[in-house]
Amino acid sequence: MRNEPVPALAARLFDEIAALSPDIRGVSRPAYSAVETAVLAHLAAAARAEGLEVWQDAALNLYAGLPGTREAAGVVLVGSHADSVPQGGNFDGLAGVIAGLCVLVRAMREGVTPPRPIHLIALRGEESPWFGLPYLGSRIVTGQMTAEDLDRPHRDDGRPLSAHLEGLGIPVAEIRAGRPMIDLSRIAGYVELHIEQGPVLIDLDAPVATVSGIRGNLRHNRILCEGVAGHSGAVPQDMRHDAVLAVAELLALMEGHALDWAGEGADLVFTCGMIGTDPARHALTRIPDEVAFSTDMRSLDESVLARFHALMEAEMAAIAARRGVRFVPDAIQRARPATCDAELVEAMKLAMLRRRIRPVTMASGAGHDAAMFAQAGVPVVMMFVRNANGSHNPDEAMAMGDFEIACETLYDLLCRDPMENAMDAAPPPAFADLAQTVRQHGGGTYAFEAAARAAREWAIDHPGHALALNLAAMAATQVARRFDDQAVTASQAAERLAEFERRLAWLDSAAAESDAGRRLQMLNDLAAQLLDVERNEG
């Protein structure tokens, strides 16, 4: 199927991998399971069929690249994870892997040599339900797995992670020693596409977004509240040591604190995702003496997490004293916040602008493998794709049209020079001269159309500034459209020329900017403004 269109290849792979990993509802691809292994093998076969070079690291994460690039330096990794939560959706993780594969397939078919070598990476074990810890594959790849992590038991069979790894022939001793599975000095960046796991892009009616950062989290898998059992009818209300009501009070207080902090500008969310009494002991007529629950607090600010956790500890101590109960937390799990690389963020926004997509930038509330690469010192960036119905459930609903837009944008990011058609070091024309063209032609509709034509002609002679000149042409065309079928006074004409001159002054300032990243940001800002005008006038 080498001639199969790339979007059709993607759709087929989604369907085939869903069929490889069915559950009662949705899909289940457990970390380090035979199902996960089969999915990676299927992806490897698809990559080989397209002529790509395929390999694995010692921890059995999957890689693919254009022939001859396996040992290259300055590599950009693109991908995500292959596992899923129990009875999850088919797109969480897998969309990023298939998107990376699509980029490589297109480059292979079109004979394109990307500015930097690209390696697809399909990671194992990102989801936390299987061993109570997220990012297993990326922790191992970057050398950040601890001995304590390796002792974590599997949710079903109770065997430690180390035993599951050893069963696959993965070198646990090297992992325990903190040795990375790849040479991180050869990695120039990590790019991850992922479905959005919330409703923001649906609400904005935007197909994709650039991610500015990934919230860190501070978690307890299990906090035990110990009270005193008693008969529900025999013990007076004020003499009880009720574990359930103690936990209920704690959670209500913490929700109130989280709302207050967020209202004051702190980036913070708080969740209790698991809670329950022991089914072997609880009863309708028994005052519960024991409740286990989890907590998950997330923020882009590590200090917010530390202070909010300290507040929870203080509230637990106060409730314990007041109600005569005891809180016994397990070990804290921490994942530090990660900031996406500013230059990569601007380059991704520029790639969106090339597709005439207004760049949306947002933080990620959920955690991702990108966080582990960022903490290992690798520059990272993420792209979200619009997705209805959230994630971690069988009803994930990413439209293939949105996925195709995302893949095209990703291709522009990875396979074109980030500064191509932006602004280079060669002296540009003076953008302000276009305002003189308007004056020379009388300042009306024809005058702005003449300025737009001149800007496009200059772009042919100054390819290093083609994007900026096309933005100037776009600004002139917008003004010309406003003159159509209207009587325009001299003062209105002067106002519109002044508006055009402000746009041109911005471009002249961008051209004079010595920092390439700042130039990109300035062009992105102007393009976003012009796209807003087009959308509002359309």
Protein backbone atom coordinates (compact mmCIF):
# COMPACT_ATOMS: atom_id res chain seq x y z
CA MET A 1 0.00 0.00 0.00
CA ARG A 2 2.97 2.33 -0.63
CA ASN A 3 0.81 4.58 -2.87
CA GLU A 4 -1.92 4.90 -0.25
CA PRO A 5 -2.53 8.60 0.55
CA VAL A 6 -0.99 9.55 3.88
CA PRO A 7 -4.35 10.51 5.49
CA ALA A 8 -5.77 7.12 4.44
CA LEU A 9 -2.69 5.39 5.88
CA ALA A 10 -3.29 7.15 9.20
CA ALA A 11 -6.99 6.23 9.29
CA ARG A 12 -6.20 2.60 8.49
CA LEU A 13 -3.57 2.39 11.24
CA PHE A 14 -5.97 3.85 13.81
CA ASP A 15 -8.56 1.21 12.88
CA GLU A 16 -6.09 -1.68 12.82
CA ILE A 17 -4.56 -0.79 16.18
CA ALA A 18 -8.00 -0.41 17.76
CA ALA A 19 -8.77 -3.92 16.52
CA LEU A 20 -5.53 -5.18 18.11
CA SER A 21 -6.42 -3.78 21.55
CA PRO A 22 -10.18 -4.06 22.22
CA ASP A 23 -11.75 -4.11 25.68
CA ILE A 24 -15.33 -4.36 26.95
CA ARG A 25 -15.53 -0.70 25.94
CA GLY A 26 -12.88 1.24 24.13
CA VAL A 27 -9.32 -0.05 24.07
CA SER A 28 -6.79 -1.26 26.61
CA ARG A 29 -3.08 -1.31 25.88
CA PRO A 30 -1.43 -2.08 29.23
CA ALA A 31 2.12 -0.90 29.81
CA TYR A 32 4.75 -3.57 29.04
CA SER A 33 2.08 -6.07 28.03
CA ALA A 34 1.81 -8.39 25.03
CA VAL A 35 -0.83 -6.06 23.61
CA GLU A 36 1.47 -3.03 23.77
CA THR A 37 4.23 -5.12 22.17
CA ALA A 38 1.88 -6.17 19.34
CA VAL A 39 0.89 -2.55 18.70
CA LEU A 40 4.54 -1.49 18.44
CA ALA A 41 5.25 -4.39 16.10
CA HIS A 42 2.35 -3.32 13.89
CA LEU A 43 3.66 0.25 13.75
CA ALA A 44 7.17 -1.04 12.97
CA ALA A 45 5.83 -3.10 10.07
CA ALA A 46 3.97 -0.08 8.68
CA ALA A 47 7.15 2.03 8.87
CA ARG A 48 9.27 -0.67 7.15
CA ALA A 49 6.66 -0.99 4.39
CA GLU A 50 7.26 2.68 3.61
CA GLY A 51 11.03 2.19 3.35
CA LEU A 52 11.87 3.72 6.73
CA GLU A 53 14.65 2.41 8.96
CA VAL A 54 13.24 0.90 12.18
CA TRP A 55 14.91 -0.03 15.48
CA GLN A 56 14.36 -0.28 19.25
CA ASP A 57 16.35 0.83 22.26
CA ALA A 58 17.26 -1.58 25.06
CA ALA A 59 13.98 -0.79 26.83
CA LEU A 60 12.01 -1.75 23.66
CA ASN A 61 10.75 1.71 22.81
CA LEU A 62 10.28 1.96 19.04
CA TYR A 63 12.10 4.34 16.66
CA ALA A 64 11.97 5.00 12.92
CA GLY A 65 13.79 7.40 10.63
CA LEU A 66 14.72 8.13 7.05
CA PRO A 67 17.37 5.68 5.77
CA GLY A 68 20.86 6.56 6.90
CA THR A 69 19.82 8.81 9.79
CA ARG A 70 19.88 6.34 12.67
CA GLU A 71 23.28 7.48 13.97
CA ALA A 72 22.82 11.14 13.10
CA ALA A 73 23.44 13.99 15.54
CA GLY A 74 21.11 16.91 16.14
CA VAL A 75 18.05 14.68 15.94
CA VAL A 76 14.51 15.88 16.58
CA LEU A 77 12.36 13.20 18.18
CA VAL A 78 8.66 13.25 17.29
CA GLY A 79 6.08 10.94 18.79
CA SER A 80 4.21 9.99 21.93
CA HIS A 81 3.16 6.82 23.77
CA ALA A 82 1.55 3.59 22.56
CA ASP A 83 -0.18 2.41 25.76
CA SER A 84 -3.61 3.44 27.01
CA VAL A 85 -5.57 3.51 30.23
CA PRO A 86 -7.98 0.61 30.91
CA GLN A 87 -11.03 0.92 28.63
CA GLY A 88 -9.66 4.14 27.21
CA GLY A 89 -9.89 5.85 23.85
CA ASN A 90 -7.92 5.04 20.72
CA PHE A 91 -6.32 8.47 20.18
CA ASP A 92 -4.63 9.32 23.51
CA GLY A 93 -0.94 8.79 22.78
CA LEU A 94 -1.44 6.90 19.54
CA ALA A 95 -2.34 10.09 17.61
CA GLY A 96 1.12 11.49 18.31
CA VAL A 97 2.86 8.31 17.20
CA ILE A 98 0.90 8.05 13.95
CA ALA A 99 1.37 11.79 13.27
CA GLY A 100 5.14 11.40 13.56
CA LEU A 101 5.02 8.41 11.24
CA CYS A 102 2.96 10.40 8.71
CA VAL A 103 5.58 13.18 8.68
CA LEU A 104 8.35 10.69 7.93
CA VAL A 105 6.29 8.86 5.29
CA ARG A 106 5.56 12.12 3.48
CA ALA A 107 9.21 13.20 3.62
CA MET A 108 10.28 9.76 2.31
CA ARG A 109 7.79 9.79 -0.55
CA GLU A 110 8.58 13.36 -1.59
CA GLY A 111 12.35 12.95 -1.29
CA VAL A 112 12.62 15.76 1.25
CA THR A 113 15.66 16.09 3.51
CA PRO A 114 14.50 17.86 6.70
CA PRO A 115 16.70 20.61 8.16
CA ARG A 116 17.37 18.31 11.11
CA PRO A 117 17.16 14.51 11.13
CA ILE A 118 13.79 13.28 12.44
CA HIS A 119 13.28 10.13 14.48
CA LEU A 120 9.84 8.82 15.31
CA ILE A 121 9.65 7.59 18.91
CA ALA A 122 6.83 5.38 20.20
CA LEU A 123 7.19 5.16 23.96
CA ARG A 124 5.95 2.44 26.26
CA GLY A 125 4.15 2.89 29.57
CA GLU A 126 3.16 6.54 29.79
CA GLU A 127 -0.15 6.01 31.57
CA SER A 128 -0.13 5.76 35.37
CA PRO A 129 -2.94 3.24 36.13
CA TRP A 130 -0.84 0.16 35.42
CA PHE A 131 1.96 0.72 37.96
CA GLY A 132 0.74 3.85 39.77
CA LEU A 133 3.39 6.00 38.09
CA PRO A 134 3.31 7.89 34.77
CA TYR A 135 5.98 8.35 32.08
CA LEU A 136 7.66 4.98 32.59
CA GLY A 137 9.04 4.78 29.05
CA SER A 138 10.33 8.35 28.96
CA ARG A 139 11.75 8.05 32.49
CA ILE A 140 13.72 5.01 31.33
CA VAL A 141 14.82 6.59 28.04
CA THR A 142 16.14 9.71 29.82
CA GLY A 143 17.67 7.88 32.81
CA GLN A 144 15.22 9.22 35.41
CA MET A 145 13.74 5.96 36.74
CA THR A 146 14.50 5.34 40.44
CA ALA A 147 14.93 2.10 42.37
CA GLU A 148 11.72 2.89 44.24
CA ASP A 149 9.90 3.29 40.91
CA LEU A 150 11.05 -0.16 39.83
CA ASP A 151 9.47 -1.70 42.92
CA ARG A 152 5.97 -0.43 42.14
CA PRO A 153 3.44 -3.29 41.87
CA HIS A 154 1.20 -3.87 38.87
CA ARG A 155 -2.47 -3.07 39.48
CA ASP A 156 -3.59 -6.61 38.54
CA ASP A 157 -0.92 -9.18 39.33
CA GLY A 158 0.98 -7.31 42.07
CA ARG A 159 4.37 -8.10 40.51
CA PRO A 160 6.84 -5.20 40.58
CA LEU A 161 7.65 -3.19 37.48
CA SER A 162 11.17 -4.62 37.52
CA ALA A 163 9.78 -8.14 37.08
CA HIS A 164 7.67 -7.08 34.12
CA LEU A 165 10.68 -5.42 32.51
CA GLU A 166 12.93 -8.42 33.13
CA GLY A 167 10.29 -10.66 31.58
CA LEU A 168 10.72 -8.71 28.33
CA GLY A 169 14.52 -8.89 28.50
CA ILE A 170 14.92 -5.21 29.41
CA PRO A 171 18.15 -4.50 31.36
CA VAL A 172 16.84 -3.50 34.78
CA ALA A 173 20.34 -3.07 36.25
CA GLU A 174 21.11 -0.32 33.73
CA ILE A 175 17.81 1.38 34.47
CA ARG A 176 18.39 1.15 38.21
CA ALA A 177 21.78 2.80 37.67
CA GLY A 178 20.09 5.73 35.90
CA ARG A 179 21.68 5.13 32.50
CA PRO A 180 19.71 6.70 29.62
CA MET A 181 18.70 4.40 26.80
CA ILE A 182 19.73 6.97 24.17
CA ASP A 183 22.57 9.47 23.82
CA LEU A 184 20.80 12.63 24.95
CA SER A 185 23.62 14.79 23.57
CA ARG A 186 22.45 13.81 20.06
CA ILE A 187 18.87 15.00 20.68
CA ALA A 188 18.15 18.56 19.54
CA GLY A 189 14.47 18.53 20.48
CA TYR A 190 11.36 16.54 21.29
CA VAL A 191 8.03 17.29 19.61
CA GLU A 192 4.81 15.65 20.80
CA LEU A 193 1.38 15.84 19.22
CA HIS A 194 -1.47 14.84 21.53
CA ILE A 195 -5.22 15.13 21.62
CA GLU A 196 -6.43 17.86 23.91
CA GLN A 197 -7.90 16.25 27.01
CA GLY A 198 -10.27 19.08 27.84
CA PRO A 199 -12.82 21.33 26.08
CA VAL A 200 -10.78 24.47 25.30
CA LEU A 201 -10.27 23.93 21.55
CA ILE A 202 -13.88 22.83 21.12
CA ASP A 203 -14.95 26.05 22.82
CA LEU A 204 -12.60 28.17 20.67
CA ASP A 205 -13.55 26.31 17.47
CA ALA A 206 -9.83 25.83 16.78
CA PRO A 207 -8.39 22.62 15.28
CA VAL A 208 -4.97 22.80 16.95
CA ALA A 209 -3.01 24.66 19.60
CA THR A 210 0.58 25.16 20.69
CA VAL A 211 1.35 24.12 24.26
CA SER A 212 3.32 26.60 26.34
CA GLY A 213 3.97 24.35 29.34
CA ILE A 214 2.91 21.20 31.16
CA ARG A 215 1.53 21.30 34.68
CA GLY A 216 3.48 19.44 37.29
CA ASN A 217 1.65 17.33 39.80
CA LEU A 218 1.93 16.23 43.39
CA ARG A 219 0.00 13.06 44.19
CA HIS A 220 -0.83 10.49 46.79
CA ASN A 221 -2.03 7.19 45.35
CA ARG A 222 -3.45 6.19 48.74
CA ILE A 223 -4.08 8.09 51.93
CA LEU A 224 -5.68 5.98 54.65
CA CYS A 225 -8.01 7.62 57.17
CA GLU A 226 -8.37 5.45 60.29
CA GLY A 227 -11.30 6.01 62.64
CA VAL A 228 -13.24 3.79 65.05
CA ALA A 229 -15.97 1.36 63.98
CA GLY A 230 -19.32 1.43 65.73
CA HIS A 231 -23.02 0.65 65.41
CA SER A 232 -24.83 3.25 63.30
CA GLY A 233 -27.72 3.41 65.74
CA ALA A 234 -25.96 3.07 69.08
CA VAL A 235 -23.16 5.66 69.01
CA PRO A 236 -24.23 9.33 69.49
CA GLN A 237 -23.24 11.64 66.64
CA ASP A 238 -20.89 13.73 68.79
CA MET A 239 -19.04 10.65 70.07
CA ARG A 240 -18.14 9.17 66.69
CA HIS A 241 -14.76 8.85 64.99
CA ASP A 242 -16.18 8.51 61.49
CA ALA A 243 -13.50 8.07 58.81
CA VAL A 244 -15.87 8.80 55.91
CA LEU A 245 -17.05 12.12 57.30
CA ALA A 246 -13.48 13.08 58.17
CA VAL A 247 -12.40 12.54 54.57
CA ALA A 248 -15.51 14.31 53.27
CA GLU A 249 -14.67 17.33 55.41
CA LEU A 250 -11.08 17.34 54.18
CA LEU A 251 -12.04 17.16 50.51
CA ALA A 252 -14.66 19.90 50.86
CA LEU A 253 -12.12 22.16 52.56
CA MET A 254 -9.46 21.51 49.91
CA GLU A 255 -11.89 22.22 47.10
CA GLY A 256 -12.72 25.54 48.73
CA HIS A 257 -9.05 26.40 49.11
CA ALA A 258 -8.35 25.46 45.46
CA LEU A 259 -11.17 27.72 44.27
CA ASP A 260 -9.91 30.57 46.44
CA TRP A 261 -6.32 30.21 45.22
CA ALA A 262 -7.39 30.00 41.57
CA GLY A 263 -9.57 33.08 42.09
CA GLU A 264 -6.50 34.93 43.29
CA GLY A 265 -4.58 34.03 40.14
CA ALA A 266 -2.77 30.82 41.12
CA ASP A 267 -2.61 28.05 38.53
CA LEU A 268 -4.07 25.12 40.49
CA VAL A 269 -6.49 22.21 40.24
CA PHE A 270 -7.23 19.57 42.90
CA THR A 271 -8.81 16.15 42.43
CA CYS A 272 -9.71 13.07 44.46
CA GLY A 273 -10.03 10.37 41.82
CA MET A 274 -10.28 7.26 44.02
CA ILE A 275 -12.10 6.82 47.33
CA GLY A 276 -13.73 3.95 49.16
CA THR A 277 -14.30 1.83 52.23
CA ASP A 278 -13.23 -1.80 52.29
CA PRO A 279 -16.00 -3.91 50.67
CA ALA A 280 -15.05 -6.86 52.86
CA ARG A 281 -15.80 -4.87 56.03
CA HIS A 282 -18.20 -2.05 55.25
CA ALA A 283 -21.91 -2.37 55.99
CA LEU A 284 -25.04 -0.25 55.98
CA THR A 285 -25.19 -0.19 59.79
CA ARG A 286 -21.45 0.25 60.51
CA ILE A 287 -19.75 3.54 61.28
CA PRO A 288 -16.77 3.28 58.93
CA ASP A 289 -13.41 3.00 60.63
CA GLU A 290 -11.26 3.12 57.50
CA VAL A 291 -11.36 4.97 54.17
CA ALA A 292 -8.70 5.04 51.46
CA PHE A 293 -8.53 7.91 48.97
CA SER A 294 -6.19 9.56 46.48
CA THR A 295 -5.24 13.18 45.90
CA ASP A 296 -3.89 14.85 42.76
CA MET A 297 -2.91 18.52 42.72
CA ARG A 298 -1.51 20.16 39.59
CA SER A 299 0.06 23.52 38.74
CA LEU A 300 2.54 25.18 36.41
CA ASP A 301 4.19 26.58 39.58
CA GLU A 302 6.11 24.13 41.74
CA SER A 303 5.91 26.46 44.75
CA VAL A 304 2.10 26.48 44.50
CA LEU A 305 2.11 22.68 44.70
CA ALA A 306 4.38 22.69 47.74
CA ARG A 307 2.30 25.28 49.60
CA PHE A 308 -1.01 23.63 48.74
CA HIS A 309 0.25 20.24 49.91
CA ALA A 310 1.44 21.81 53.17
CA LEU A 311 -2.03 23.30 53.60
CA MET A 312 -3.60 19.85 53.07
CA GLU A 313 -1.28 18.38 55.70
CA ALA A 314 -2.33 21.11 58.13
CA GLU A 315 -6.02 20.47 57.45
CA MET A 316 -5.54 16.72 57.96
CA ALA A 317 -3.86 17.36 61.32
CA ALA A 318 -6.69 19.68 62.42
CA ILE A 319 -9.43 17.26 61.35
CA ALA A 320 -7.61 14.35 62.98
CA ALA A 321 -7.50 16.21 66.30
CA ARG A 322 -11.09 17.37 66.05
CA ARG A 323 -12.62 14.05 65.02
CA GLY A 324 -10.28 11.58 66.70
CA VAL A 325 -9.10 9.97 63.45
CA ARG A 326 -5.68 9.41 61.88
CA PHE A 327 -4.50 10.13 58.33
CA VAL A 328 -1.75 7.86 57.00
CA PRO A 329 -0.47 9.02 53.58
CA ASP A 330 1.70 6.93 51.29
CA ALA A 331 4.84 8.35 49.67
CA ILE A 332 4.41 11.56 47.68
CA GLN A 333 4.68 11.29 43.90
CA ARG A 334 6.08 14.38 42.22
CA ALA A 335 6.27 15.39 38.58
CA ARG A 336 7.82 18.80 38.12
CA PRO A 337 6.22 21.36 35.79
CA ALA A 338 7.82 21.67 32.37
CA THR A 339 8.11 24.76 30.18
CA CYS A 340 8.10 24.32 26.42
CA ASP A 341 11.03 25.83 24.53
CA ALA A 342 10.19 29.44 23.57
CA GLU A 343 11.83 29.26 20.14
CA LEU A 344 10.07 25.99 19.29
CA VAL A 345 6.76 27.45 20.44
CA GLU A 346 7.22 30.41 18.09
CA ALA A 347 8.29 28.10 15.24
CA MET A 348 5.15 26.00 15.74
CA LYS A 349 2.99 29.12 15.73
CA LEU A 350 4.64 30.16 12.47
CA ALA A 351 3.90 26.73 11.00
CA MET A 352 0.24 27.24 11.93
CA LEU A 353 0.24 30.66 10.30
CA ARG A 354 1.56 29.12 7.08
CA ARG A 355 -1.62 27.03 7.10
CA ARG A 356 -3.67 30.18 7.76
CA ILE A 357 -4.59 28.87 11.22
CA ARG A 358 -4.77 31.45 13.98
CA PRO A 359 -2.24 30.30 16.58
CA VAL A 360 -3.77 29.34 19.92
CA THR A 361 -1.37 28.88 22.84
CA MET A 362 -2.39 27.10 26.03
CA ALA A 363 -0.95 25.22 28.99
CA SER A 364 -1.43 21.49 29.37
CA GLY A 365 -3.26 20.45 32.50
CA ALA A 366 -2.45 16.79 31.91
CA GLY A 367 1.04 15.36 32.10
CA HIS A 368 2.96 14.08 29.08
CA ASP A 369 6.24 12.38 28.20
CA ALA A 370 7.45 15.79 26.99
CA ALA A 371 7.85 16.74 30.66
CA MET A 372 10.47 14.03 31.19
CA PHE A 373 12.47 15.14 28.15
CA ALA A 374 12.29 18.77 29.30
CA GLN A 375 13.59 17.76 32.73
CA ALA A 376 16.45 15.94 31.01
CA GLY A 377 17.45 19.21 29.34
CA VAL A 378 15.95 18.52 25.91
CA PRO A 379 14.04 21.44 24.27
CA VAL A 380 10.41 20.37 23.87
CA VAL A 381 7.21 21.60 22.28
CA MET A 382 3.73 20.10 22.06
CA MET A 383 0.76 20.46 19.76
CA PHE A 384 -2.80 19.74 20.85
CA VAL A 385 -5.46 18.52 18.42
CA ARG A 386 -9.12 19.28 19.05
CA ASN A 387 -10.93 16.33 20.60
CA ALA A 388 -14.49 16.03 21.87
CA ASN A 389 -15.53 14.17 25.04
CA GLY A 390 -12.20 14.41 26.86
CA SER A 391 -9.80 11.50 27.11
CA HIS A 392 -9.17 8.39 29.19
CA ASN A 393 -12.56 7.14 28.07
CA PRO A 394 -13.89 5.21 25.05
CA ASP A 395 -15.65 8.28 23.64
CA GLU A 396 -12.60 10.26 22.53
CA ALA A 397 -13.60 11.97 19.28
CA MET A 398 -10.76 13.45 17.25
CA ALA A 399 -11.94 14.34 13.74
CA MET A 400 -9.63 13.04 11.03
CA GLY A 401 -9.88 16.43 9.27
CA ASP A 402 -8.37 18.08 12.36
CA PHE A 403 -5.72 15.37 12.52
CA GLU A 404 -4.79 16.02 8.88
CA ILE A 405 -4.40 19.76 9.59
CA ALA A 406 -2.22 18.88 12.59
CA CYS A 407 -0.02 16.56 10.51
CA GLU A 408 0.44 19.20 7.80
CA THR A 409 1.41 21.77 10.42
CA LEU A 410 3.79 19.29 12.04
CA TYR A 411 5.34 18.61 8.63
CA ASP A 412 5.91 22.35 8.10
CA LEU A 413 7.51 22.60 11.54
CA LEU A 414 9.86 19.63 11.08
CA CYS A 415 10.56 19.55 7.36
CA ARG A 416 10.93 23.25 6.57
CA ASP A 417 13.57 25.60 7.91
CA PRO A 418 11.88 27.41 10.86
CA MET A 419 13.10 30.73 9.43
CA GLU A 420 12.17 29.89 5.82
CA ASN A 421 10.13 32.74 4.32
CA ALA A 422 10.30 34.59 7.63
CA MET A 423 13.19 37.05 7.83
CA ASP A 424 16.84 36.39 7.13
CA ALA A 425 19.94 38.44 7.74
CA ALA A 426 19.97 40.00 4.24
CA PRO A 427 18.95 43.68 4.20
CA PRO A 428 15.24 43.88 3.47
CA PRO A 429 13.43 46.60 1.56
CA ALA A 430 12.08 49.39 3.72
CA PHE A 431 8.54 48.28 4.47
CA ALA A 432 7.57 51.91 5.07
CA ASP A 433 8.16 52.57 1.34
CA LEU A 434 4.89 50.74 0.67
CA ALA A 435 3.04 53.63 2.31
CA GLN A 436 4.64 55.95 -0.24
CA THR A 437 3.24 53.73 -2.99
CA VAL A 438 -0.22 54.33 -1.53
CA ARG A 439 0.30 58.09 -1.58
CA GLN A 440 1.63 58.07 -5.12
CA HIS A 441 -1.53 56.29 -6.33
CA GLY A 442 -3.96 58.61 -4.62
CA GLY A 443 -4.72 56.80 -1.39
CA GLY A 444 -7.88 54.94 -2.51
CA THR A 445 -8.77 51.34 -3.28
CA TYR A 446 -6.43 51.15 -6.27
CA ALA A 447 -3.60 52.64 -4.24
CA PHE A 448 -3.74 49.92 -1.58
CA GLU A 449 -4.09 47.24 -4.24
CA ALA A 450 -0.95 48.65 -5.89
CA ALA A 451 0.88 48.45 -2.54
CA ALA A 452 -0.20 44.83 -2.14
CA ARG A 453 1.10 44.01 -5.64
CA ALA A 454 4.39 45.76 -4.93
CA ALA A 455 4.85 43.80 -1.68
CA ARG A 456 4.29 40.49 -3.49
CA GLU A 457 6.74 41.47 -6.23
CA TRP A 458 9.35 42.38 -3.63
CA ALA A 459 8.85 38.96 -2.03
CA ILE A 460 10.11 37.33 -5.24
CA ASP A 461 13.33 39.34 -5.06
CA HIS A 462 13.68 38.99 -1.27
CA PRO A 463 12.71 35.36 -0.48
CA GLY A 464 14.21 35.62 2.99
CA HIS A 465 11.52 38.17 3.84
CA ALA A 466 8.67 36.64 1.85
CA LEU A 467 6.45 35.99 4.85
CA ALA A 468 6.85 39.55 6.14
CA LEU A 469 6.17 41.02 2.70
CA ASN A 470 3.11 38.83 2.25
CA LEU A 471 1.87 40.08 5.61
CA ALA A 472 2.29 43.63 4.30
CA ALA A 473 0.33 42.65 1.19
CA MET A 474 -2.37 41.12 3.37
CA ALA A 475 -2.64 44.30 5.44
CA ALA A 476 -2.92 46.45 2.27
CA THR A 477 -5.58 44.16 0.80
CA GLN A 478 -7.64 44.36 3.98
CA VAL A 479 -7.68 48.16 3.78
CA ALA A 480 -8.57 48.05 0.07
CA ARG A 481 -11.54 45.79 0.82
CA ARG A 482 -12.90 48.32 3.28
CA PHE A 483 -13.03 50.97 0.52
CA ASP A 484 -15.20 48.78 -1.74
CA ASP A 485 -18.67 50.18 -2.41
CA GLN A 486 -18.19 52.91 0.16
CA ALA A 487 -17.84 56.65 0.04
CA VAL A 488 -14.70 57.42 2.01
CA THR A 489 -13.92 60.83 3.44
CA ALA A 490 -10.44 62.30 3.42
CA SER A 491 -10.17 61.84 7.19
CA GLN A 492 -11.19 58.16 6.90
CA ALA A 493 -8.61 57.62 4.16
CA ALA A 494 -5.96 59.23 6.38
CA GLU A 495 -6.93 56.99 9.30
CA ARG A 496 -6.61 53.85 7.18
CA LEU A 497 -3.27 54.92 5.77
CA ALA A 498 -2.09 55.55 9.34
CA GLU A 499 -3.26 52.06 10.33
CA PHE A 500 -1.34 50.57 7.38
CA GLU A 501 1.74 52.56 8.32
CA ARG A 502 1.59 51.14 11.87
CA ARG A 503 1.66 47.64 10.39
CA LEU A 504 4.63 48.57 8.21
CA ALA A 505 6.49 50.14 11.14
CA TRP A 506 6.03 46.89 13.04
CA LEU A 507 7.58 44.96 10.14
CA ASP A 508 10.50 47.39 9.96
CA SER A 509 11.06 46.90 13.70
CA ALA A 510 10.97 43.13 13.25
CA ALA A 511 13.53 43.33 10.44
CA ALA A 512 15.82 45.37 12.68
CA GLU A 513 15.53 42.88 15.55
CA SER A 514 18.79 40.92 15.97
CA ASP A 515 17.26 38.00 17.88
CA ALA A 516 15.76 35.42 15.50
CA GLY A 517 13.27 34.15 18.06
CA ARG A 518 12.03 37.68 18.73
CA ARG A 519 11.65 38.30 14.97
CA LEU A 520 9.52 35.17 14.71
CA GLN A 521 7.38 36.26 17.64
CA MET A 522 6.80 39.71 16.13
CA LEU A 523 5.75 38.22 12.80
CA ASN A 524 3.49 35.75 14.57
CA ASP A 525 1.84 38.56 16.53
CA LEU A 526 1.11 40.61 13.42
CA ALA A 527 -0.12 37.60 11.46
CA ALA A 528 -2.48 36.68 14.30
CA GLN A 529 -3.89 40.24 14.29
CA LEU A 530 -4.44 40.14 10.53
CA LEU A 531 -6.09 36.72 10.70
CA ASP A 532 -8.40 38.06 13.41
CA VAL A 533 -9.41 40.91 11.10
CA GLU A 534 -10.11 38.46 8.28
CA ARG A 535 -12.18 36.24 10.52
CA ASN A 536 -14.21 39.14 11.90
CA GLU A 537 -14.81 40.65 8.48
CA GLY A 538 -15.53 37.28 6.87
